[in-house]
Protein backbone atom coordinates (compact mmCIF):
# COMPACT_ATOMS: atom_id res chain seq x y z
CA UNK A 1 -34.76 27.72 7.10
CA UNK A 2 -31.95 26.84 4.65
CA UNK A 3 -30.93 22.47 5.12
CA UNK A 4 -27.65 22.09 5.56
CA UNK A 5 -25.74 19.47 2.36
CA UNK A 6 -24.80 16.40 3.86
CA UNK A 7 -21.01 15.56 2.96
CA UNK A 8 -20.16 12.57 2.98
CA UNK A 9 -17.66 11.39 6.67
CA UNK A 10 -14.24 12.13 7.07
CA UNK A 11 -11.48 9.86 6.56
CA UNK A 12 -12.09 9.04 10.06
CA UNK A 13 -15.56 8.27 10.32
CA UNK A 14 -15.46 6.02 7.16
CA UNK A 15 -12.31 3.91 8.95
CA UNK A 16 -14.48 4.20 12.76
CA UNK A 17 -17.34 2.22 10.34
CA UNK A 18 -15.46 -0.45 9.03
CA UNK A 19 -13.87 -1.42 12.70
CA UNK A 20 -17.12 -1.41 14.43
CA UNK A 21 -18.05 -3.35 11.64
CA UNK A 22 -14.85 -5.84 12.13
CA UNK A 23 -15.51 -5.87 15.72
CA UNK A 24 -19.48 -7.11 15.14
CA UNK A 25 -17.87 -9.91 12.63
CA UNK A 26 -15.74 -11.13 16.00
CA UNK A 27 -19.20 -11.54 17.75
CA UNK A 28 -20.56 -13.56 14.49
CA UNK A 29 -17.51 -15.85 12.71
CA UNK A 30 -17.01 -18.35 14.57
CA UNK A 31 -13.74 -18.02 15.70
CA UNK A 32 -10.46 -21.12 14.99
CA UNK A 33 -6.51 -20.61 14.05
CA UNK A 34 -3.87 -22.77 12.74
CA UNK A 35 -0.97 -23.85 13.85
CA UNK A 36 2.00 -21.72 13.36
CA UNK A 37 5.77 -22.69 12.21
CA UNK A 38 7.97 -20.28 13.35
CA UNK A 39 11.87 -20.52 12.59
CA UNK A 40 13.65 -19.28 15.31
CA UNK A 41 17.29 -18.04 14.30
CA UNK A 42 19.08 -17.50 17.17
CA UNK A 43 18.68 -20.85 18.10
CA UNK A 44 17.97 -22.88 14.94
CA UNK A 45 15.57 -24.50 15.88
CA UNK A 46 11.66 -24.67 14.73
CA UNK A 47 8.85 -24.20 17.31
CA UNK A 48 5.07 -25.19 16.24
CA UNK A 49 2.48 -23.00 18.56
CA UNK A 50 -0.85 -24.81 18.11
CA UNK A 51 -4.49 -23.00 18.57
CA UNK A 52 -4.63 -24.72 22.18
CA UNK A 53 -1.60 -22.45 23.52
CA UNK A 54 0.82 -25.48 23.15
CA UNK A 55 3.89 -25.51 22.11
CA UNK A 56 6.36 -27.88 20.27
CA UNK A 57 10.18 -27.52 19.68
CA UNK A 58 11.53 -29.31 16.36
CA UNK A 59 14.37 -29.12 14.35
CA UNK A 60 15.10 -27.72 11.21
CA UNK A 61 15.06 -30.26 9.18
CA UNK A 62 13.79 -30.67 5.49
CA UNK A 63 12.02 -33.50 7.04
CA UNK A 64 10.67 -31.58 9.67
CA UNK A 65 8.45 -29.28 7.24
CA UNK A 66 7.90 -32.47 4.83
CA UNK A 67 6.06 -34.15 7.51
CA UNK A 68 4.18 -30.63 8.67
CA UNK A 69 2.98 -30.66 4.88
CA UNK A 70 4.76 -27.12 4.27
CA UNK A 71 5.88 -27.48 0.80
CA UNK A 72 9.00 -25.04 1.49
CA UNK A 73 12.64 -25.75 0.63
CA UNK A 74 14.05 -24.85 4.48
CA UNK A 75 16.67 -23.09 3.13
CA UNK A 76 14.13 -20.43 3.06
CA UNK A 77 13.59 -20.22 6.08
CA UNK A 78 17.26 -20.37 7.18
CA UNK A 79 18.46 -17.38 5.17
CA UNK A 80 15.30 -15.65 5.87
CA UNK A 81 13.34 -15.04 3.03
CA UNK A 82 10.43 -16.43 5.03
CA UNK A 83 10.80 -14.42 8.42
CA UNK A 84 6.94 -14.43 10.00
CA UNK A 85 4.83 -17.69 10.89
CA UNK A 86 3.58 -19.60 8.88
CA UNK A 87 0.51 -21.31 8.60
CA UNK A 88 0.31 -24.89 9.04
CA UNK A 89 -2.57 -27.05 6.91
CA UNK A 90 -4.83 -29.51 7.96
CA UNK A 91 -4.10 -27.35 11.65
CA UNK A 92 -7.13 -25.28 12.07
CA UNK A 93 -9.24 -25.82 14.76
CA UNK A 94 -11.77 -23.80 16.46
CA UNK A 95 -11.20 -21.59 19.63
CA UNK A 96 -13.23 -19.82 22.80
CA UNK A 97 -14.44 -17.05 20.94
CA UNK A 98 -12.74 -13.92 21.70
CA UNK A 99 -15.41 -10.72 20.83
CA UNK A 100 -14.16 -7.69 20.74
CA UNK A 101 -16.33 -4.80 22.21
CA UNK A 102 -16.85 -1.52 23.40
CA UNK A 103 -13.85 -1.23 25.19
CA UNK A 104 -11.66 -3.25 22.42
CA UNK A 105 -12.78 -0.98 20.24
CA UNK A 106 -11.82 2.57 21.74
CA UNK A 107 -8.44 0.71 22.42
CA UNK A 108 -7.39 -0.25 18.71
CA UNK A 109 -6.87 2.77 17.19
CA UNK A 110 -4.28 3.85 20.82
CA UNK A 111 -2.99 0.16 19.75
CA UNK A 112 -2.51 0.91 15.96
CA UNK A 113 -0.58 4.38 16.24
CA UNK A 114 1.68 2.60 18.29
CA UNK A 115 2.41 -0.35 16.00
CA UNK A 116 2.89 1.97 13.51
CA UNK A 117 4.97 4.53 15.32
CA UNK A 118 7.78 3.99 12.80
CA UNK A 119 5.56 4.87 10.21
CA UNK A 120 4.13 7.72 11.28
CA UNK A 121 7.30 9.40 12.73
CA UNK A 122 8.82 8.96 8.76
CA UNK A 123 5.76 11.33 7.69
CA UNK A 124 5.81 13.85 10.36
CA UNK A 125 9.99 14.09 9.57
CA UNK A 126 8.92 14.05 5.48
CA UNK A 127 6.23 16.63 6.86
CA UNK A 128 9.17 18.65 8.32
CA UNK A 129 11.23 19.17 5.06
CA UNK A 130 8.06 19.49 2.93
CA UNK A 131 7.65 22.64 5.34
CA UNK A 132 11.54 24.31 4.92
CA UNK A 133 11.86 23.57 1.13
CA UNK A 134 7.82 25.97 0.88
CA UNK A 135 9.38 28.62 3.22
CA UNK A 136 12.62 29.18 1.18
CA UNK A 137 10.03 29.71 -2.12
CA UNK A 138 12.10 26.18 -4.22
CA UNK A 139 9.28 24.21 -4.79
CA UNK A 140 7.28 27.61 -6.29
CA UNK A 141 10.23 28.00 -8.28
CA UNK A 142 10.53 24.76 -9.14
CA UNK A 143 7.19 24.24 -10.06
CA UNK A 144 6.84 27.27 -12.38
CA UNK A 145 10.05 25.74 -14.53
CA UNK A 146 8.61 22.92 -14.86
CA UNK A 147 5.23 24.54 -15.75
CA UNK A 148 7.39 26.13 -18.46
CA UNK A 149 9.13 23.17 -19.93
CA UNK A 150 5.84 20.81 -20.22
CA UNK A 151 3.49 23.37 -21.19
CA UNK A 152 0.98 21.36 -24.17
CA UNK A 153 2.43 18.28 -23.25
CA UNK A 154 1.19 18.09 -19.78
CA UNK A 155 0.62 14.30 -20.08
CA UNK A 156 4.11 13.38 -19.84
CA UNK A 157 3.51 14.20 -16.45
CA UNK A 158 1.32 11.22 -16.11
CA UNK A 159 3.02 9.11 -18.05
CA UNK A 160 6.28 10.07 -16.02
CA UNK A 161 4.82 9.44 -12.90
CA UNK A 162 2.52 6.45 -13.02
CA UNK A 163 5.54 4.48 -14.96
CA UNK A 164 8.40 5.16 -12.47
CA UNK A 165 6.42 4.65 -9.46
CA UNK A 166 5.24 1.18 -10.87
CA UNK A 167 8.19 0.57 -11.40
CA UNK A 168 9.20 1.07 -8.14
CA UNK A 169 6.31 -1.28 -6.57
CA UNK A 170 6.52 -4.04 -8.61
CA UNK A 171 10.77 -4.56 -7.98
CA UNK A 172 11.05 -3.60 -4.50
CA UNK A 173 6.87 -2.87 -2.99
CA UNK A 174 6.85 0.82 -3.65
CA UNK A 175 4.14 2.19 -1.35
CA UNK A 176 3.70 3.43 1.93
CA UNK A 177 7.20 5.51 0.87
CA UNK A 178 5.30 7.53 -1.80
CA UNK A 179 3.20 9.14 1.19
CA UNK A 180 6.18 11.99 0.93
CA UNK A 181 5.40 12.78 -3.17
CA UNK A 182 2.25 13.84 -2.37
CA UNK A 183 2.63 17.20 -0.83
CA UNK A 184 5.34 17.77 -4.27
CA UNK A 185 3.64 16.05 -7.29
CA UNK A 186 -0.63 17.55 -6.20
CA UNK A 187 1.30 21.41 -6.74
CA UNK A 188 2.65 19.74 -10.21
CA UNK A 189 -0.32 18.72 -11.21
CA UNK A 190 -2.91 21.53 -9.76
CA UNK A 191 -0.83 23.74 -11.62
CA UNK A 192 -0.19 21.79 -15.12
CA UNK A 193 -4.39 22.29 -15.02
CA UNK A 194 -4.75 19.24 -13.37
CA UNK A 195 -7.08 18.55 -10.32
CA UNK A 196 -5.80 16.24 -7.20
CA UNK A 197 -6.97 13.37 -8.26
CA UNK A 198 -5.13 12.93 -11.08
CA UNK A 199 -2.01 13.55 -8.98
CA UNK A 200 -2.90 10.80 -6.36
CA UNK A 201 -4.16 8.53 -9.12
CA UNK A 202 -0.39 9.00 -11.50
CA UNK A 203 1.06 8.35 -7.46
CA UNK A 204 -1.15 5.86 -5.61
CA UNK A 205 -2.40 4.66 -8.87
CA UNK A 206 1.22 3.44 -9.77
CA UNK A 207 2.01 1.94 -6.39
CA UNK A 208 -0.62 -0.39 -6.58
CA UNK A 209 -0.50 -1.11 -10.44
CA UNK A 210 3.65 -2.26 -9.54
CA UNK A 211 3.03 -4.27 -6.57
CA UNK A 212 -0.58 -6.17 -7.76
CA UNK A 213 1.63 -7.12 -11.03
CA UNK A 214 4.62 -7.65 -9.26
CA UNK A 215 7.99 -9.31 -10.65
CA UNK A 216 10.87 -9.81 -7.69
CA UNK A 217 9.41 -7.45 -5.51
CA UNK A 218 10.62 -9.29 -1.77
CA UNK A 219 7.33 -8.90 -0.26
CA UNK A 220 5.05 -10.33 -2.19
CA UNK A 221 6.36 -12.14 -5.49
CA UNK A 222 9.34 -13.91 -3.12
CA UNK A 223 7.89 -14.34 -0.12
CA UNK A 224 4.41 -15.74 -2.10
CA UNK A 225 6.17 -17.62 -4.15
CA UNK A 226 8.84 -19.03 -1.01
CA UNK A 227 5.72 -19.57 1.29
CA UNK A 228 4.09 -21.86 -2.09
CA UNK A 229 6.75 -23.82 -2.22
CA UNK A 230 8.00 -22.52 -5.62
CA UNK A 231 10.72 -20.17 -7.14
CA UNK A 232 9.64 -16.64 -7.86
CA UNK A 233 10.56 -17.03 -11.46
CA UNK A 234 8.02 -19.73 -12.23
CA UNK A 235 4.97 -17.53 -13.80
CA UNK A 236 6.79 -14.38 -13.86
CA UNK A 237 7.20 -14.31 -17.23
CA UNK A 238 2.50 -13.34 -17.49
CA UNK A 239 3.08 -11.07 -14.85
CA UNK A 240 5.60 -8.90 -16.71
CA UNK A 241 3.58 -8.95 -19.64
CA UNK A 242 0.28 -8.30 -17.03
CA UNK A 243 2.29 -5.31 -15.51
CA UNK A 244 3.11 -3.81 -19.00
CA UNK A 245 -1.03 -3.91 -20.25
CA UNK A 246 -2.06 -2.84 -16.76
CA UNK A 247 -0.07 -0.07 -16.71
CA UNK A 248 -0.69 1.61 -20.48
CA UNK A 249 -4.50 0.73 -19.21
CA UNK A 250 -4.11 3.21 -16.10
CA UNK A 251 -2.49 5.82 -18.02
CA UNK A 252 -4.81 6.04 -20.28
CA UNK A 253 -7.25 6.22 -17.98
CA UNK A 254 -6.08 8.80 -15.98
CA UNK A 255 -5.30 11.09 -19.58
CA UNK A 256 -8.30 10.67 -20.56
CA UNK A 257 -9.92 11.97 -17.07
CA UNK A 258 -7.38 14.75 -16.82
CA UNK A 259 -8.01 15.87 -20.57
CA UNK A 260 -11.93 15.83 -19.96
CA UNK A 261 -11.09 18.57 -17.04
CA UNK A 262 -8.82 20.24 -19.10
CA UNK A 263 -11.24 21.20 -21.62
CA UNK A 264 -14.11 21.82 -18.79
CA UNK A 265 -12.67 22.31 -15.29
CA UNK A 266 -16.14 21.95 -13.75
CA UNK A 267 -16.49 17.83 -14.83
CA UNK A 268 -13.53 17.42 -12.40
CA UNK A 269 -14.58 14.98 -9.47
CA UNK A 270 -13.26 17.63 -6.56
CA UNK A 271 -14.62 20.96 -8.70
CA UNK A 272 -16.52 22.28 -5.73
CA UNK A 273 -13.33 22.34 -3.48
CA UNK A 274 -10.60 23.73 -6.43
CA UNK A 275 -10.41 26.90 -4.20
CA UNK A 276 -9.15 25.48 -0.97
CA UNK A 277 -7.15 22.56 -2.54
CA UNK A 278 -5.18 25.68 -4.75
CA UNK A 279 -5.13 27.61 -1.03
CA UNK A 280 -3.36 25.23 0.27
CA UNK A 281 -0.79 23.46 -2.18
CA UNK A 282 -0.66 27.09 -4.29
CA UNK A 283 -0.82 29.45 -1.75
CA UNK A 284 2.62 31.51 -2.70
CA UNK A 285 2.12 30.84 -6.35
CA UNK A 286 1.68 32.95 -8.82
CA UNK A 287 2.47 32.23 -12.51
CA UNK A 288 2.47 35.83 -13.04
CA UNK A 289 4.83 36.47 -10.30
CA UNK A 290 7.44 33.36 -11.15
CA UNK A 291 9.97 33.59 -8.07
CA UNK A 292 13.49 33.38 -9.20
CA UNK A 293 15.06 29.74 -9.68
CA UNK A 294 18.39 30.95 -7.89
CA UNK A 295 21.38 28.33 -7.85
CA UNK A 296 20.10 27.46 -4.04
CA UNK A 297 16.50 26.84 -4.91
CA UNK A 298 17.50 24.54 -7.34
CA UNK A 299 20.56 23.42 -5.16
CA UNK A 300 17.65 22.96 -2.56
CA UNK A 301 15.39 20.48 -4.82
CA UNK A 302 18.38 18.71 -6.36
CA UNK A 303 19.38 17.44 -2.53
CA UNK A 304 15.80 16.44 -2.00
CA UNK A 305 15.41 14.54 -5.25
CA UNK A 306 18.38 13.00 -5.09
CA UNK A 307 16.95 11.81 -1.27
CA UNK A 308 14.59 10.05 -2.57
CA UNK A 309 17.34 7.84 -5.13
CA UNK A 310 18.92 7.31 -1.77
CA UNK A 311 16.05 5.70 -0.24
CA UNK A 312 15.28 3.69 -3.49
CA UNK A 313 18.76 2.40 -3.33
CA UNK A 314 18.73 1.41 0.13
CA UNK A 315 15.46 -0.03 0.24
CA UNK A 316 16.15 -2.53 -2.62
CA UNK A 317 19.47 -2.59 -2.07
CA UNK A 318 20.29 -2.43 2.08
CA UNK A 319 16.97 -3.87 3.29
CA UNK A 320 16.13 0.30 4.76
CA UNK A 321 12.66 -0.02 6.52
CA UNK A 322 10.98 3.44 8.22
CA UNK A 323 14.30 3.96 10.79
CA UNK A 324 16.66 4.33 7.83
CA UNK A 325 14.32 6.64 6.05
CA UNK A 326 13.23 8.48 8.26
CA UNK A 327 17.17 9.36 9.65
CA UNK A 328 17.39 9.93 5.93
CA UNK A 329 14.89 12.63 5.63
CA UNK A 330 16.19 14.09 8.91
CA UNK A 331 19.69 14.52 7.73
CA UNK A 332 18.27 16.19 4.38
CA UNK A 333 15.85 18.76 6.70
CA UNK A 334 19.10 20.10 8.43
CA UNK A 335 21.46 19.99 5.11
CA UNK A 336 18.15 22.12 2.82
CA UNK A 337 17.94 24.52 6.49
CA UNK A 338 21.29 24.80 6.39
CA UNK A 339 22.00 26.00 2.98
CA UNK A 340 18.67 27.98 2.77
CA UNK A 341 20.62 30.40 5.47
CA UNK A 342 17.71 30.17 8.04
CA UNK A 343 17.96 31.16 12.05
CA UNK A 344 17.69 28.65 13.88
CA UNK A 345 14.53 29.92 15.16
CA UNK A 346 12.79 29.96 11.96
CA UNK A 347 13.99 26.12 11.21
CA UNK A 348 12.31 24.61 13.79
CA UNK A 349 8.84 27.01 13.39
CA UNK A 350 8.57 26.03 9.33
CA UNK A 351 10.05 22.36 10.32
CA UNK A 352 7.08 22.04 13.31
CA UNK A 353 4.83 23.72 10.93
CA UNK A 354 5.25 21.38 7.94
CA UNK A 355 5.44 18.21 10.35
CA UNK A 356 1.82 19.76 12.23
CA UNK A 357 0.46 19.60 8.57
CA UNK A 358 0.54 15.55 7.88
CA UNK A 359 -0.26 14.34 11.79
CA UNK A 360 -3.86 13.87 10.63
CA UNK A 361 -2.96 11.76 7.84
CA UNK A 362 -0.45 10.38 10.41
CA UNK A 363 -3.57 9.32 12.57
CA UNK A 364 -5.14 7.64 9.99
CA UNK A 365 -2.09 5.77 9.61
CA UNK A 366 -2.68 4.01 13.31
CA UNK A 367 -6.58 4.12 12.63
CA UNK A 368 -6.45 1.97 10.10
CA UNK A 369 -4.06 -1.00 11.96
CA UNK A 370 -6.98 -1.14 14.09
CA UNK A 371 -9.09 -2.70 12.24
CA UNK A 372 -6.25 -5.31 12.15
CA UNK A 373 -6.04 -5.79 15.94
CA UNK A 374 -9.66 -6.15 16.28
CA UNK A 375 -9.46 -9.13 13.55
CA UNK A 376 -6.57 -10.69 14.99
CA UNK A 377 -7.61 -10.61 18.49
CA UNK A 378 -10.91 -11.31 17.28
CA UNK A 379 -8.81 -14.54 16.07
CA UNK A 380 -11.37 -14.66 13.02
CA UNK A 381 -8.65 -14.44 10.12
CA UNK A 382 -7.49 -18.14 10.38
CA UNK A 383 -11.77 -18.93 10.14
CA UNK A 384 -12.09 -17.04 6.96
CA UNK A 385 -9.00 -18.46 5.50
CA UNK A 386 -10.28 -21.90 6.23
CA UNK A 387 -13.70 -21.83 4.96
CA UNK A 388 -12.19 -19.84 1.86
CA UNK A 389 -10.02 -22.73 1.13
CA UNK A 390 -12.89 -25.44 1.46
CA UNK A 391 -15.56 -23.71 -0.89
CA UNK A 392 -12.78 -23.84 -3.27
CA UNK A 393 -12.19 -27.83 -2.98
CA UNK A 394 -13.54 -29.47 -5.78
CA UNK A 395 -14.13 -27.16 -8.57
CA UNK A 396 -12.64 -26.97 -12.60
CA UNK A 397 -9.76 -25.10 -12.89
CA UNK A 398 -11.06 -22.58 -14.69
CA UNK A 399 -14.02 -21.65 -12.20
CA UNK A 400 -11.05 -22.09 -9.50
CA UNK A 401 -8.98 -19.64 -10.79
CA UNK A 402 -12.06 -17.24 -10.64
CA UNK A 403 -13.09 -18.21 -7.00
CA UNK A 404 -9.60 -17.87 -6.21
CA UNK A 405 -9.79 -14.60 -7.22
CA UNK A 406 -12.78 -13.42 -5.17
CA UNK A 407 -11.59 -15.49 -2.00
CA UNK A 408 -8.00 -13.08 -1.82
CA UNK A 409 -9.46 -9.95 -2.27
CA UNK A 410 -11.78 -10.40 0.21
CA UNK A 411 -9.11 -11.59 2.22
CA UNK A 412 -7.13 -8.92 1.18
CA UNK A 413 -9.43 -6.40 2.54
CA UNK A 414 -8.78 -8.44 6.40
CA UNK A 415 -4.67 -8.77 5.90
CA UNK A 416 -3.93 -5.95 3.38
CA UNK A 417 -0.35 -6.99 4.43
CA UNK A 418 1.30 -8.70 1.02
CA UNK A 419 3.56 -10.39 3.29
CA UNK A 420 1.28 -11.08 5.84
CA UNK A 421 -1.45 -12.41 3.50
CA UNK A 422 1.67 -14.77 1.71
CA UNK A 423 2.71 -16.65 4.78
CA UNK A 424 -0.62 -16.82 6.35
CA UNK A 425 -2.44 -18.22 2.79
CA UNK A 426 -0.36 -19.90 0.94
CA UNK A 427 0.39 -22.95 2.31
CA UNK A 428 -2.38 -23.29 2.99
CA UNK A 429 -3.64 -22.36 -0.86
CA UNK A 430 -1.35 -23.21 -2.82
CA UNK A 431 -1.33 -27.10 -2.33
CA UNK A 432 -5.41 -26.67 -3.41
CA UNK A 433 -3.79 -25.88 -7.38
CA UNK A 434 -2.61 -29.58 -7.53
CA UNK A 435 -5.72 -30.83 -7.18
CA UNK A 436 -7.38 -29.03 -9.60
CA UNK A 437 -4.13 -30.13 -12.47
CA UNK A 438 -2.58 -26.26 -11.72
CA UNK A 439 0.57 -25.10 -11.10
CA UNK A 440 1.39 -22.86 -8.48
CA UNK A 441 2.36 -19.95 -9.61
CA UNK A 442 -0.55 -19.73 -10.68
CA UNK A 443 -1.35 -19.27 -6.82
CA UNK A 444 0.63 -16.27 -6.32
CA UNK A 445 -0.47 -14.16 -9.05
CA UNK A 446 -4.47 -14.57 -7.90
CA UNK A 447 -3.22 -14.13 -4.17
CA UNK A 448 -1.34 -10.98 -5.91
CA UNK A 449 -4.01 -10.41 -8.55
CA UNK A 450 -6.50 -10.43 -5.59
CA UNK A 451 -4.89 -8.07 -2.60
CA UNK A 452 -3.87 -5.94 -5.52
CA UNK A 453 -7.15 -4.95 -6.70
CA UNK A 454 -9.04 -4.82 -3.47
CA UNK A 455 -5.96 -1.98 -2.36
CA UNK A 456 -7.63 0.22 -5.28
CA UNK A 457 -9.97 0.80 -2.12
CA UNK A 458 -9.56 -0.78 0.89
CA UNK A 459 -10.13 1.12 3.83
CA UNK A 460 -7.67 -0.36 5.77
CA UNK A 461 -4.66 0.28 3.39
CA UNK A 462 -2.98 3.88 2.24
CA UNK A 463 -5.72 5.41 0.13
CA UNK A 464 -7.67 6.95 3.05
CA UNK A 465 -4.39 8.51 4.62
CA UNK A 466 -3.78 9.83 1.10
CA UNK A 467 -7.17 11.34 0.45
CA UNK A 468 -6.96 12.66 4.13
CA UNK A 469 -3.75 14.60 2.53
CA UNK A 470 -5.96 16.75 0.38
CA UNK A 471 -8.92 17.01 1.95
CA UNK A 472 -10.77 14.66 -0.11
CA UNK A 473 -14.03 12.75 0.91
CA UNK A 474 -13.82 8.32 0.00
CA UNK A 475 -16.86 9.07 -2.03
CA UNK A 476 -15.21 10.89 -4.70
CA UNK A 477 -12.38 8.20 -5.24
CA UNK A 478 -14.75 5.37 -5.13
CA UNK A 479 -16.58 7.31 -8.20
CA UNK A 480 -13.10 8.50 -9.84
CA UNK A 481 -11.57 4.24 -9.62
CA UNK A 482 -14.25 2.14 -10.03
CA UNK A 483 -14.83 2.02 -13.55
CA UNK A 484 -10.88 1.43 -13.89
CA UNK A 485 -10.87 -1.47 -11.12
CA UNK A 486 -13.76 -3.03 -12.62
CA UNK A 487 -11.41 -2.99 -15.95
CA UNK A 488 -8.36 -4.41 -14.43
CA UNK A 489 -10.64 -6.74 -13.03
CA UNK A 490 -11.83 -8.18 -15.93
CA UNK A 491 -8.28 -8.04 -17.17
CA UNK A 492 -6.33 -9.73 -14.17
CA UNK A 493 -9.00 -12.76 -14.35
CA UNK A 494 -8.56 -13.14 -17.96
CA UNK A 495 -4.85 -13.43 -17.18
CA UNK A 496 -4.74 -15.66 -14.52
CA UNK A 497 -7.28 -17.83 -17.12
CA UNK A 498 -4.68 -17.79 -19.51
CA UNK A 499 -1.79 -18.53 -17.16
CA UNK A 500 -3.94 -21.48 -15.72
CA UNK A 501 -4.40 -23.11 -19.54
CA UNK A 502 -0.37 -22.50 -19.86
């Protein structure tokens, strides 16, 4: 009798394990909550929502904020730089427990899908666009042309992609939007002799390093600095230095791995899946029988590429979000379909087939949100923050900074939203810097570094959805990324200590 080899569980199973763990925590961790301050622009009034359910309306003034010990400029609320509920220091209270049982765990993924319908729709439309482009042969022709241009210099693909995505991450928080790029770039990297992990690393780590060392990112640097009561330019020079060094470190790590597998493909962590990956992404690509790169195919790829330029402009300059981005790619799908000359029936069939390829990835995004739903309904997120803030009081400054990094790593696992963690944690954590003689910008950096680090691996983030695109299991990613994560963590700790000193 032949024993069946056990494989690592799928992304869905990993997420459900974490979901159950989060539900168990709601039985173990005491429930508690801070009072939250909410600005209502329509009425120009502050509303304080207290743990006992009571509410109080207060005038919008700096004096109100000072009395609440919320050290933030009132103008940051008025111009909606801060547009989420802010935790009020010193107001934590224990509340009746609300443990999440069997039915809550079952309903959480459904709620998660409802909550992420904007992202899911974006993914399905992107899938449709890619399905149409694939059917025209434009991708295969483009890959052949790019492979010829980079012959012998394939490492430039790693450098260019990582640097560009890191710039997007550090400036406007490029993250979820990169999911659209994987089906495009994975075939390019695989055709260049790399494996899928190299492509994932260049994109995912470019985004992660960029957001970890954010400079002007409004969803982390700016909102966290505002919530800490400082300007986002404080500490920016250290984060720029960190961004450059960490990006170089990441690129060298990816290039080194890529060189190993080009020299010996058996060293690839996905060697056993290489045939399945090529079948999925390079099914119609034959380097010995290259599809002609016609003007029509070039035009379709140019339009598709320009759509990402427009998306970047919209997100960074016009405050676009998933509604606008999805509408953009729907328009691009219609335009490419028209240029391709395909009939209405073929267009619809190819679009639906392309969208179907990303259904699994879209559902993973929803299930990942379920974990946050369980934590929020279980009322334990604020308790974790409360005990974390108490744990660092009275420490010397160096030890304090290392512990702050660790605390934000933990908090980042449970609260993967950068803006959500900023408005919850900064009003509580930033004043602790005053007690040990540190400037508050160091706390902002600790928050960014901690949440950025855990984003490398946290199942509650984007990594499982990313891996699902290529059917790569989580354990293979961990084998690849954990050494780099250790290097970046050590570097981040050193940067924090230097920043605290100066």
